[in-house]
């Protein structure tokens, strides 16, 4: 189209077109570009194209590879192959390997297969209450305290220092003394309830120190029946440790070792009770291997009562869960014996 326009322009001026065709195209001094030279006469100004300065021979292969495909030649497979070549094969995510569960060296079953349970017992309606005797055997509480984990010891010490900073040493000592006294009063009130099968005495209900705790456990007490032991000493005759169990009774029809705990903060899950499940498992094993008790237990119950009277949290431990904590307790017992 450009050439046609050019020829039309030349035809308007006489002699120009004839002179053009009289020039032989084969002459070396006038190559075929002479037509373009004449065209420059009629252009106002030649525009400089930056692409003309590029070494086209150098980049012709690149231009050809880009323009010869309508779409990219890469596919997911070729991308993976390229990544594999550059970075190596991908590392597939694997779940962390769980640490092997430790097995106690001196394993003893939770229940006692050699213990014979009498069919009838005339005194079964009377809760047992065996006094705790001083012996050389370590107590469950002492064993757990001396084998506490470093992390738990750190948090307990930090809490202690925080309370001392707020209350002072004397104030903190008074605070812990009152907590211990409240626990004793609370357990005594529960004992009187179970022995008389009635509500706590008027004095106990009106005692500000424990009235909130008693209100907290009312919905749990409705599910407890057939109390077999109260504040009674237990001793594992094979493993040689002892303890004082709070209560042994049926909870919703299942015989349990019941541990009553008081708290000012909510503990809605079992893990919030720290080493209390190990304590319950230790008491269950001791009862099952103590000749003073003519029954065996396979379940546990931890009841966390609150001072403000909010409903207590009962944490039931079925036989499988008790067996798990029993193995953990045996490991703690072995650790204690190794240290001493």
Foldseek 3Di string as FASTA:
>chain_A
DVVVVVVVVQVVDPPRVVVVVVDDCPDPVRHPCVVVVVVVVVDPDDDDDPVVPDPCVVCVVVVCVVVVDPDDPDDPVVVQVVCCVPPNHDDDDDPDDDDDDDFFPPDDDLFDPPAAFDPDDPCLLPADAADDDDDPFAALVVLCVVLPDPVVVVVVVVVLVVVCVVQNPVRSVVVVVLQVVLVVLQLVQVVVCSVVVHHGDPVSCPPLSCVLQSLQCPVQVVQWDSWHHAQHKFAQPPLRYIYTFHTWTDGNRATAREAEAEDADDDQAPVSVPCVLLVRLVRQSRLNRGPVHSDHHQKYWYWYGHSNNHHIHIDIGGNVNSRVSPRVNSVSSVVSVVVD
